[in-house]
Amino acid sequence: MKRLASKWAGTLGLPGLAGLALIAAGAILYLSASLPAKEKSDRLSGDIAEARANRGKTPRSGIDENSPEYRLGRFYASFPRREDAPQLLEMIYAAAREENILLKLGEYKFAPGKKLWMYQVSLPVQGSYVGIRKFIARVLNSVPSAALDAVSFTRENVGGIDLDAKIRFTIFMGGMR
């Protein structure tokens, strides 16, 4: 073996031996750096594919239904549109008819917002205490985006059954679609 090495050294000379050493060093460097990096890259690619498969994407739409942006968009889309205001008011009027509540001339005002509009409805009403409470409950159940802002009661005479009340609802509405 020693004889073979000295024969090659004599044949290659000093430049040949230096080149052979560089080739050996390159092979060692490739084996120690490139192969572990390729294995790590393959492992990370598998992790990425698994994470994509498990993050709630539907194959058809490609929408991540668990993302905050998607859920917030669905939240805003659940509100009635501003064009639906007449139908919502009709639901309020129907609730008053069903509870025998007399609606007087009310005030209606749109208040714009960035994502939601507020439709403030102030209604002076007349009826029994129980009837007014049922009317409020019926409105809140039939118009889910409505909130009760204020209620005030007055009674003209002590022995009377009917009350005068001022009720203010805010109906939250989405923008134009």
C-alpha atoms as a PDB file:
ATOM      1  CA  MET A   1       0.000   0.000   0.000  1.00  0.00           C
ATOM      2  CA  LYS A   2       2.850   2.317   0.859  1.00  0.00           C
ATOM      3  CA  ARG A   3       4.456   1.587  -2.454  1.00  0.00           C
ATOM      4  CA  LEU A   4       1.252   2.390  -4.334  1.00  0.00           C
ATOM      5  CA  ALA A   5       0.941   5.724  -2.522  1.00  0.00           C
ATOM      6  CA  SER A   6       4.498   6.728  -3.342  1.00  0.00           C
ATOM      7  CA  LYS A   7       3.976   5.737  -7.017  1.00  0.00           C
ATOM      8  CA  TRP A   8       0.889   7.988  -7.249  1.00  0.00           C
ATOM      9  CA  ALA A   9       2.699  10.797  -5.480  1.00  0.00           C
ATOM     10  CA  GLY A  10       5.521  10.547  -7.999  1.00  0.00           C
ATOM     11  CA  THR A  11       3.110  10.411 -10.944  1.00  0.00           C
ATOM     12  CA  LEU A  12       0.771  13.225  -9.821  1.00  0.00           C
ATOM     13  CA  GLY A  13       3.352  15.560  -8.375  1.00  0.00           C
ATOM     14  CA  LEU A  14       2.651  18.271  -5.866  1.00  0.00           C
ATOM     15  CA  PRO A  15      -0.173  19.981  -7.861  1.00  0.00           C
ATOM     16  CA  GLY A  16      -1.921  16.669  -8.416  1.00  0.00           C
ATOM     17  CA  LEU A  17      -1.764  15.773  -4.727  1.00  0.00           C
ATOM     18  CA  ALA A  18      -3.176  19.216  -3.809  1.00  0.00           C
ATOM     19  CA  GLY A  19      -6.059  18.697  -6.261  1.00  0.00           C
ATOM     20  CA  LEU A  20      -6.724  15.240  -4.883  1.00  0.00           C
ATOM     21  CA  ALA A  21      -6.793  16.695  -1.340  1.00  0.00           C
ATOM     22  CA  LEU A  22      -9.267  19.365  -2.460  1.00  0.00           C
ATOM     23  CA  ILE A  23     -11.533  16.746  -4.019  1.00  0.00           C
ATOM     24  CA  ALA A  24     -11.445  14.704  -0.805  1.00  0.00           C
ATOM     25  CA  ALA A  25     -12.173  17.807   1.319  1.00  0.00           C
ATOM     26  CA  GLY A  26     -15.104  18.730  -0.960  1.00  0.00           C
ATOM     27  CA  ALA A  27     -16.565  15.252  -0.647  1.00  0.00           C
ATOM     28  CA  ILE A  28     -16.264  15.364   3.136  1.00  0.00           C
ATOM     29  CA  LEU A  29     -17.850  18.836   3.230  1.00  0.00           C
ATOM     30  CA  TYR A  30     -20.731  17.686   1.007  1.00  0.00           C
ATOM     31  CA  LEU A  31     -21.408  14.647   3.160  1.00  0.00           C
ATOM     32  CA  SER A  32     -21.250  16.579   6.444  1.00  0.00           C
ATOM     33  CA  ALA A  33     -23.288  19.688   5.419  1.00  0.00           C
ATOM     34  CA  SER A  34     -25.457  19.064   2.386  1.00  0.00           C
ATOM     35  CA  LEU A  35     -26.993  15.731   3.244  1.00  0.00           C
ATOM     36  CA  PRO A  36     -28.229  16.739   6.749  1.00  0.00           C
ATOM     37  CA  ALA A  37     -29.580  20.005   5.281  1.00  0.00           C
ATOM     38  CA  LYS A  38     -31.495  18.036   2.629  1.00  0.00           C
ATOM     39  CA  GLU A  39     -32.936  15.725   5.270  1.00  0.00           C
ATOM     40  CA  LYS A  40     -34.007  18.748   7.352  1.00  0.00           C
ATOM     41  CA  SER A  41     -35.542  20.397   4.296  1.00  0.00           C
ATOM     42  CA  ASP A  42     -37.509  17.260   3.466  1.00  0.00           C
ATOM     43  CA  ARG A  43     -38.727  16.996   7.075  1.00  0.00           C
ATOM     44  CA  LEU A  44     -39.832  20.667   7.115  1.00  0.00           C
ATOM     45  CA  SER A  45     -41.636  20.245   3.791  1.00  0.00           C
ATOM     46  CA  GLY A  46     -43.562  17.347   5.310  1.00  0.00           C
ATOM     47  CA  ASP A  47     -44.406  19.453   8.382  1.00  0.00           C
ATOM     48  CA  ILE A  48     -45.675  22.284   6.171  1.00  0.00           C
ATOM     49  CA  ALA A  49     -47.851  19.913   4.153  1.00  0.00           C
ATOM     50  CA  GLU A  50     -49.274  18.431   7.365  1.00  0.00           C
ATOM     51  CA  ALA A  51     -49.973  21.883   8.839  1.00  0.00           C
ATOM     52  CA  ARG A  52     -51.769  22.965   5.675  1.00  0.00           C
ATOM     53  CA  ALA A  53     -53.893  19.840   5.762  1.00  0.00           C
ATOM     54  CA  ASN A  54     -54.858  20.387   9.418  1.00  0.00           C
ATOM     55  CA  ARG A  55     -55.580  24.124   9.531  1.00  0.00           C
ATOM     56  CA  GLY A  56     -59.269  23.952   8.549  1.00  0.00           C
ATOM     57  CA  LYS A  57     -59.038  24.606   4.853  1.00  0.00           C
ATOM     58  CA  THR A  58     -61.833  23.254   2.781  1.00  0.00           C
ATOM     59  CA  PRO A  59     -60.483  21.651  -0.383  1.00  0.00           C
ATOM     60  CA  ARG A  60     -63.025  23.323  -2.675  1.00  0.00           C
ATOM     61  CA  SER A  61     -62.869  26.923  -1.511  1.00  0.00           C
ATOM     62  CA  GLY A  62     -59.349  27.206  -0.122  1.00  0.00           C
ATOM     63  CA  ILE A  63     -60.700  29.500   2.632  1.00  0.00           C
ATOM     64  CA  ASP A  64     -59.365  29.130   6.149  1.00  0.00           C
ATOM     65  CA  GLU A  65     -62.605  29.089   8.141  1.00  0.00           C
ATOM     66  CA  ASN A  66     -60.719  29.381  11.430  1.00  0.00           C
ATOM     67  CA  SER A  67     -58.870  32.574  10.559  1.00  0.00           C
ATOM     68  CA  PRO A  68     -59.861  35.696  12.503  1.00  0.00           C
ATOM     69  CA  GLU A  69     -60.409  37.622   9.262  1.00  0.00           C
ATOM     70  CA  TYR A  70     -62.882  35.055   7.938  1.00  0.00           C
ATOM     71  CA  ARG A  71     -64.766  34.845  11.249  1.00  0.00           C
ATOM     72  CA  LEU A  72     -64.930  38.640  11.558  1.00  0.00           C
ATOM     73  CA  GLY A  73     -66.266  38.889   8.008  1.00  0.00           C
ATOM     74  CA  ARG A  74     -68.951  36.329   8.818  1.00  0.00           C
ATOM     75  CA  PHE A  75     -69.857  38.298  11.963  1.00  0.00           C
ATOM     76  CA  TYR A  76     -70.406  41.510  10.017  1.00  0.00           C
ATOM     77  CA  ALA A  77     -72.281  39.658   7.276  1.00  0.00           C
ATOM     78  CA  SER A  78     -74.754  38.334   9.866  1.00  0.00           C
ATOM     79  CA  PHE A  79     -76.243  41.800  10.436  1.00  0.00           C
ATOM     80  CA  PRO A  80     -79.223  42.968   8.382  1.00  0.00           C
ATOM     81  CA  ARG A  81     -78.511  45.398   5.552  1.00  0.00           C
ATOM     82  CA  ARG A  82     -79.552  49.022   5.680  1.00  0.00           C
ATOM     83  CA  GLU A  83     -82.016  48.319   2.867  1.00  0.00           C
ATOM     84  CA  ASP A  84     -83.817  45.952   5.255  1.00  0.00           C
ATOM     85  CA  ALA A  85     -84.794  48.800   7.636  1.00  0.00           C
ATOM     86  CA  PRO A  86     -88.444  48.979   6.453  1.00  0.00           C
ATOM     87  CA  GLN A  87     -88.947  45.253   7.087  1.00  0.00           C
ATOM     88  CA  LEU A  88     -87.360  45.549  10.538  1.00  0.00           C
ATOM     89  CA  LEU A  89     -89.636  48.469  11.424  1.00  0.00           C
ATOM     90  CA  GLU A  90     -92.625  46.444  10.273  1.00  0.00           C
ATOM     91  CA  MET A  91     -91.559  43.706  12.717  1.00  0.00           C
ATOM     92  CA  ILE A  92     -91.560  46.308  15.510  1.00  0.00           C
ATOM     93  CA  TYR A  93     -95.002  47.558  14.480  1.00  0.00           C
ATOM     94  CA  ALA A  94     -96.311  43.977  14.336  1.00  0.00           C
ATOM     95  CA  ALA A  95     -95.014  43.331  17.858  1.00  0.00           C
ATOM     96  CA  ALA A  96     -96.873  46.453  19.063  1.00  0.00           C
ATOM     97  CA  ARG A  97    -100.119  45.280  17.408  1.00  0.00           C
ATOM     98  CA  GLU A  98     -99.819  41.821  18.956  1.00  0.00           C
ATOM     99  CA  GLU A  99     -99.373  43.273  22.458  1.00  0.00           C
ATOM    100  CA  ASN A 100    -102.057  45.994  22.035  1.00  0.00           C
ATOM    101  CA  ILE A 101     -99.522  48.779  22.378  1.00  0.00           C
ATOM    102  CA  LEU A 102    -100.382  52.183  20.929  1.00  0.00           C
ATOM    103  CA  LEU A 103     -97.407  53.595  19.034  1.00  0.00           C
ATOM    104  CA  LYS A 104     -97.232  57.344  18.778  1.00  0.00           C
ATOM    105  CA  LEU A 105     -95.101  59.340  16.349  1.00  0.00           C
ATOM    106  CA  GLY A 106     -91.519  58.144  16.776  1.00  0.00           C
ATOM    107  CA  GLU A 107     -88.075  59.415  15.876  1.00  0.00           C
ATOM    108  CA  TYR A 108     -85.830  57.466  13.527  1.00  0.00           C
ATOM    109  CA  LYS A 109     -82.168  58.240  12.931  1.00  0.00           C
ATOM    110  CA  PHE A 110     -79.338  56.486  11.071  1.00  0.00           C
ATOM    111  CA  ALA A 111     -75.891  56.827  12.648  1.00  0.00           C
ATOM    112  CA  PRO A 112     -73.057  55.686  10.365  1.00  0.00           C
ATOM    113  CA  GLY A 113     -70.146  53.620  11.569  1.00  0.00           C
ATOM    114  CA  LYS A 114     -67.077  52.063   9.963  1.00  0.00           C
ATOM    115  CA  LYS A 115     -68.418  48.536   9.679  1.00  0.00           C
ATOM    116  CA  LEU A 116     -71.871  48.775  11.241  1.00  0.00           C
ATOM    117  CA  TRP A 117     -74.599  51.385  11.042  1.00  0.00           C
ATOM    118  CA  MET A 118     -76.860  52.108  13.957  1.00  0.00           C
ATOM    119  CA  TYR A 119     -80.525  52.804  13.359  1.00  0.00           C
ATOM    120  CA  GLN A 120     -81.864  54.505  16.473  1.00  0.00           C
ATOM    121  CA  VAL A 121     -85.613  54.161  16.948  1.00  0.00           C
ATOM    122  CA  SER A 122     -87.247  56.235  19.722  1.00  0.00           C
ATOM    123  CA  LEU A 123     -90.875  55.286  20.295  1.00  0.00           C
ATOM    124  CA  PRO A 124     -93.372  56.895  22.640  1.00  0.00           C
ATOM    125  CA  VAL A 125     -95.869  54.133  23.443  1.00  0.00           C
ATOM    126  CA  GLN A 126     -98.966  53.661  25.541  1.00  0.00           C
ATOM    127  CA  GLY A 127    -100.213  50.441  27.101  1.00  0.00           C
ATOM    128  CA  SER A 128    -100.221  48.296  30.202  1.00  0.00           C
ATOM    129  CA  TYR A 129     -96.973  47.606  32.027  1.00  0.00           C
ATOM    130  CA  VAL A 130     -97.122  43.900  31.183  1.00  0.00           C
ATOM    131  CA  GLY A 131     -97.989  44.690  27.556  1.00  0.00           C
ATOM    132  CA  ILE A 132     -95.035  47.073  27.221  1.00  0.00           C
ATOM    133  CA  ARG A 133     -92.658  44.502  28.721  1.00  0.00           C
ATOM    134  CA  LYS A 134     -93.951  41.815  26.344  1.00  0.00           C
ATOM    135  CA  PHE A 135     -93.637  44.256  23.425  1.00  0.00           C
ATOM    136  CA  ILE A 136     -89.981  44.924  24.290  1.00  0.00           C
ATOM    137  CA  ALA A 137     -89.269  41.191  24.622  1.00  0.00           C
ATOM    138  CA  ARG A 138     -91.031  40.450  21.335  1.00  0.00           C
ATOM    139  CA  VAL A 139     -89.003  43.127  19.510  1.00  0.00           C
ATOM    140  CA  LEU A 140     -85.704  41.840  20.932  1.00  0.00           C
ATOM    141  CA  ASN A 141     -86.619  38.258  19.948  1.00  0.00           C
ATOM    142  CA  SER A 142     -87.838  39.083  16.437  1.00  0.00           C
ATOM    143  CA  VAL A 143     -85.042  41.559  15.575  1.00  0.00           C
ATOM    144  CA  PRO A 144     -81.842  39.911  16.878  1.00  0.00           C
ATOM    145  CA  SER A 145     -79.635  42.865  15.946  1.00  0.00           C
ATOM    146  CA  ALA A 146     -81.757  45.221  18.106  1.00  0.00           C
ATOM    147  CA  ALA A 147     -80.623  46.464  21.493  1.00  0.00           C
ATOM    148  CA  LEU A 148     -82.737  48.164  24.115  1.00  0.00           C
ATOM    149  CA  ASP A 149     -81.092  51.490  24.973  1.00  0.00           C
ATOM    150  CA  ALA A 150     -83.560  53.171  27.287  1.00  0.00           C
ATOM    151  CA  VAL A 151     -87.041  52.847  28.791  1.00  0.00           C
ATOM    152  CA  SER A 152     -88.870  55.400  30.891  1.00  0.00           C
ATOM    153  CA  PHE A 153     -92.388  55.035  32.294  1.00  0.00           C
ATOM    154  CA  THR A 154     -94.897  57.672  33.370  1.00  0.00           C
ATOM    155  CA  ARG A 155     -98.470  57.255  34.639  1.00  0.00           C
ATOM    156  CA  GLU A 156    -100.990  60.057  34.230  1.00  0.00           C
ATOM    157  CA  ASN A 157    -103.113  59.139  37.242  1.00  0.00           C
ATOM    158  CA  VAL A 158    -102.408  56.801  40.118  1.00  0.00           C
ATOM    159  CA  GLY A 159    -105.373  54.492  39.582  1.00  0.00           C
ATOM    160  CA  GLY A 160    -104.908  54.126  35.805  1.00  0.00           C
ATOM    161  CA  ILE A 161    -103.918  50.889  34.119  1.00  0.00           C
ATOM    162  CA  ASP A 162    -102.199  52.343  31.063  1.00  0.00           C
ATOM    163  CA  LEU A 163     -98.720  53.811  31.138  1.00  0.00           C
ATOM    164  CA  ASP A 164     -96.935  56.171  28.824  1.00  0.00           C
ATOM    165  CA  ALA A 165     -93.442  54.984  28.031  1.00  0.00           C
ATOM    166  CA  LYS A 166     -90.543  56.151  25.938  1.00  0.00           C
ATOM    167  CA  ILE A 167     -88.547  53.293  24.472  1.00  0.00           C
ATOM    168  CA  ARG A 168     -85.326  53.627  22.513  1.00  0.00           C
ATOM    169  CA  PHE A 169     -83.962  50.742  20.469  1.00  0.00           C
ATOM    170  CA  THR A 170     -80.768  50.658  18.446  1.00  0.00           C
ATOM    171  CA  ILE A 171     -80.778  48.305  15.485  1.00  0.00           C
ATOM    172  CA  PHE A 172     -77.293  47.433  14.262  1.00  0.00           C
ATOM    173  CA  MET A 173     -77.014  47.051  10.498  1.00  0.00           C
ATOM    174  CA  GLY A 174     -74.316  46.117   8.069  1.00  0.00           C
ATOM    175  CA  GLY A 175     -73.274  48.223   5.116  1.00  0.00           C
ATOM    176  CA  MET A 176     -74.624  48.061   1.591  1.00  0.00           C
ATOM    177  CA  ARG A 177     -73.900  44.765  -0.163  1.00  0.00           C
END
